[in-house]
Amino acid sequence: MSSTFLSSNTPGWHPGVKAQGGSARVAAATELIESVGGKLDHMYFAFGDTDVYCVADLPDNVSAVAVAQAVSAGGGLRLGR
């Protein structure tokens, strides 16, 4: 099941990216998605209302919700608009 996640940065995102770079975000997303049995297909960074576009192949809707909740709980990104 292909899932697309759109997110925007929160005020607390900058220190982590500055310290570790964007590749650390890709690695974290890959690890999270693989932990639920999925595969990260694409991850794009942008400017504007949406800062991150992530496309993943996930086993089911339950896995998609688990990924969304984990991302939201981290505090650095806000899913959706």
C-alpha atoms as a PDB file:
ATOM      1  CA  MET A   1       0.000   0.000   0.000  1.00  0.00           C
ATOM      2  CA  SER A   2       1.538   3.265  -1.081  1.00  0.00           C
ATOM      3  CA  SER A   3       1.231   6.043   1.499  1.00  0.00           C
ATOM      4  CA  THR A   4       2.146   9.696   1.181  1.00  0.00           C
ATOM      5  CA  PHE A   5       2.992  11.809   4.222  1.00  0.00           C
ATOM      6  CA  LEU A   6       3.095  15.605   3.977  1.00  0.00           C
ATOM      7  CA  SER A   7       4.604  17.470   6.883  1.00  0.00           C
ATOM      8  CA  SER A   8       5.737  20.898   7.916  1.00  0.00           C
ATOM      9  CA  ASN A   9       8.503  21.821  10.302  1.00  0.00           C
ATOM     10  CA  THR A  10       7.683  22.992  13.803  1.00  0.00           C
ATOM     11  CA  PRO A  11       9.725  25.691  15.560  1.00  0.00           C
ATOM     12  CA  GLY A  12      11.858  22.982  17.216  1.00  0.00           C
ATOM     13  CA  TRP A  13      13.077  21.321  14.013  1.00  0.00           C
ATOM     14  CA  HIS A  14      16.039  23.580  13.228  1.00  0.00           C
ATOM     15  CA  PRO A  15      18.572  22.494  15.910  1.00  0.00           C
ATOM     16  CA  GLY A  16      18.357  18.824  14.898  1.00  0.00           C
ATOM     17  CA  VAL A  17      18.766  19.487  11.199  1.00  0.00           C
ATOM     18  CA  LYS A  18      21.566  21.961  11.804  1.00  0.00           C
ATOM     19  CA  ALA A  19      23.454  19.473  13.978  1.00  0.00           C
ATOM     20  CA  GLN A  20      22.887  16.338  11.874  1.00  0.00           C
ATOM     21  CA  GLY A  21      21.827  17.467   8.409  1.00  0.00           C
ATOM     22  CA  GLY A  22      18.956  16.347   6.210  1.00  0.00           C
ATOM     23  CA  SER A  23      20.459  12.906   5.583  1.00  0.00           C
ATOM     24  CA  ALA A  24      19.861  12.084   9.259  1.00  0.00           C
ATOM     25  CA  ARG A  25      16.148  12.754   8.675  1.00  0.00           C
ATOM     26  CA  VAL A  26      16.112  10.364   5.733  1.00  0.00           C
ATOM     27  CA  ALA A  27      17.877   7.719   7.838  1.00  0.00           C
ATOM     28  CA  ALA A  28      15.384   8.191  10.695  1.00  0.00           C
ATOM     29  CA  ALA A  29      12.419   7.956   8.309  1.00  0.00           C
ATOM     30  CA  THR A  30      13.858   4.827   6.717  1.00  0.00           C
ATOM     31  CA  GLU A  31      14.382   3.197  10.108  1.00  0.00           C
ATOM     32  CA  LEU A  32      10.865   4.062  11.283  1.00  0.00           C
ATOM     33  CA  ILE A  33       9.169   2.859   8.111  1.00  0.00           C
ATOM     34  CA  GLU A  34      11.179  -0.363   8.007  1.00  0.00           C
ATOM     35  CA  SER A  35      10.301  -1.033  11.661  1.00  0.00           C
ATOM     36  CA  VAL A  36       6.646  -1.495  10.629  1.00  0.00           C
ATOM     37  CA  GLY A  37       7.523  -3.669   7.643  1.00  0.00           C
ATOM     38  CA  GLY A  38       7.538  -0.930   5.037  1.00  0.00           C
ATOM     39  CA  LYS A  39       9.966   0.620   2.567  1.00  0.00           C
ATOM     40  CA  LEU A  40      10.738   4.295   2.016  1.00  0.00           C
ATOM     41  CA  ASP A  41      10.247   4.995  -1.692  1.00  0.00           C
ATOM     42  CA  HIS A  42      10.930   8.752  -1.871  1.00  0.00           C
ATOM     43  CA  MET A  43      11.591  11.637   0.483  1.00  0.00           C
ATOM     44  CA  TYR A  44      11.705  15.215  -0.760  1.00  0.00           C
ATOM     45  CA  PHE A  45      12.452  18.440   1.088  1.00  0.00           C
ATOM     46  CA  ALA A  46      10.769  21.668  -0.014  1.00  0.00           C
ATOM     47  CA  PHE A  47      10.002  25.225   1.033  1.00  0.00           C
ATOM     48  CA  GLY A  48       6.531  26.566   1.719  1.00  0.00           C
ATOM     49  CA  ASP A  49       3.497  25.218   3.548  1.00  0.00           C
ATOM     50  CA  THR A  50       4.771  21.658   3.160  1.00  0.00           C
ATOM     51  CA  ASP A  51       8.433  21.072   4.009  1.00  0.00           C
ATOM     52  CA  VAL A  52       8.711  17.285   3.643  1.00  0.00           C
ATOM     53  CA  TYR A  53       7.068  14.903   1.185  1.00  0.00           C
ATOM     54  CA  CYS A  54       7.518  11.240   2.030  1.00  0.00           C
ATOM     55  CA  VAL A  55       6.226   8.319  -0.053  1.00  0.00           C
ATOM     56  CA  ALA A  56       6.419   4.859   1.471  1.00  0.00           C
ATOM     57  CA  ASP A  57       5.189   1.379   0.700  1.00  0.00           C
ATOM     58  CA  LEU A  58       3.511   0.132   3.880  1.00  0.00           C
ATOM     59  CA  PRO A  59       1.808  -3.177   4.682  1.00  0.00           C
ATOM     60  CA  ASP A  60      -1.545  -1.684   5.749  1.00  0.00           C
ATOM     61  CA  ASN A  61      -3.436   1.275   7.221  1.00  0.00           C
ATOM     62  CA  VAL A  62      -2.457   0.302  10.766  1.00  0.00           C
ATOM     63  CA  SER A  63       1.222   0.667   9.817  1.00  0.00           C
ATOM     64  CA  ALA A  64       0.529   4.038   8.201  1.00  0.00           C
ATOM     65  CA  VAL A  65      -1.158   5.314  11.361  1.00  0.00           C
ATOM     66  CA  ALA A  66       1.715   4.005  13.503  1.00  0.00           C
ATOM     67  CA  VAL A  67       4.228   5.927  11.373  1.00  0.00           C
ATOM     68  CA  ALA A  68       2.111   9.098  11.483  1.00  0.00           C
ATOM     69  CA  GLN A  69       1.769   8.919  15.272  1.00  0.00           C
ATOM     70  CA  ALA A  70       5.493   8.322  15.770  1.00  0.00           C
ATOM     71  CA  VAL A  71       6.394  11.288  13.553  1.00  0.00           C
ATOM     72  CA  SER A  72       3.922  13.565  15.329  1.00  0.00           C
ATOM     73  CA  ALA A  73       5.099  12.446  18.765  1.00  0.00           C
ATOM     74  CA  GLY A  74       8.680  13.436  17.910  1.00  0.00           C
ATOM     75  CA  GLY A  75       7.658  17.106  17.865  1.00  0.00           C
ATOM     76  CA  GLY A  76       9.882  18.249  14.990  1.00  0.00           C
ATOM     77  CA  LEU A  77       7.266  17.834  12.283  1.00  0.00           C
ATOM     78  CA  ARG A  78       3.550  18.427  11.997  1.00  0.00           C
ATOM     79  CA  LEU A  79       1.724  16.095   9.600  1.00  0.00           C
ATOM     80  CA  GLY A  80      -0.815  17.431   7.126  1.00  0.00           C
ATOM     81  CA  ARG A  81      -1.774  21.045   6.800  1.00  0.00           C
END
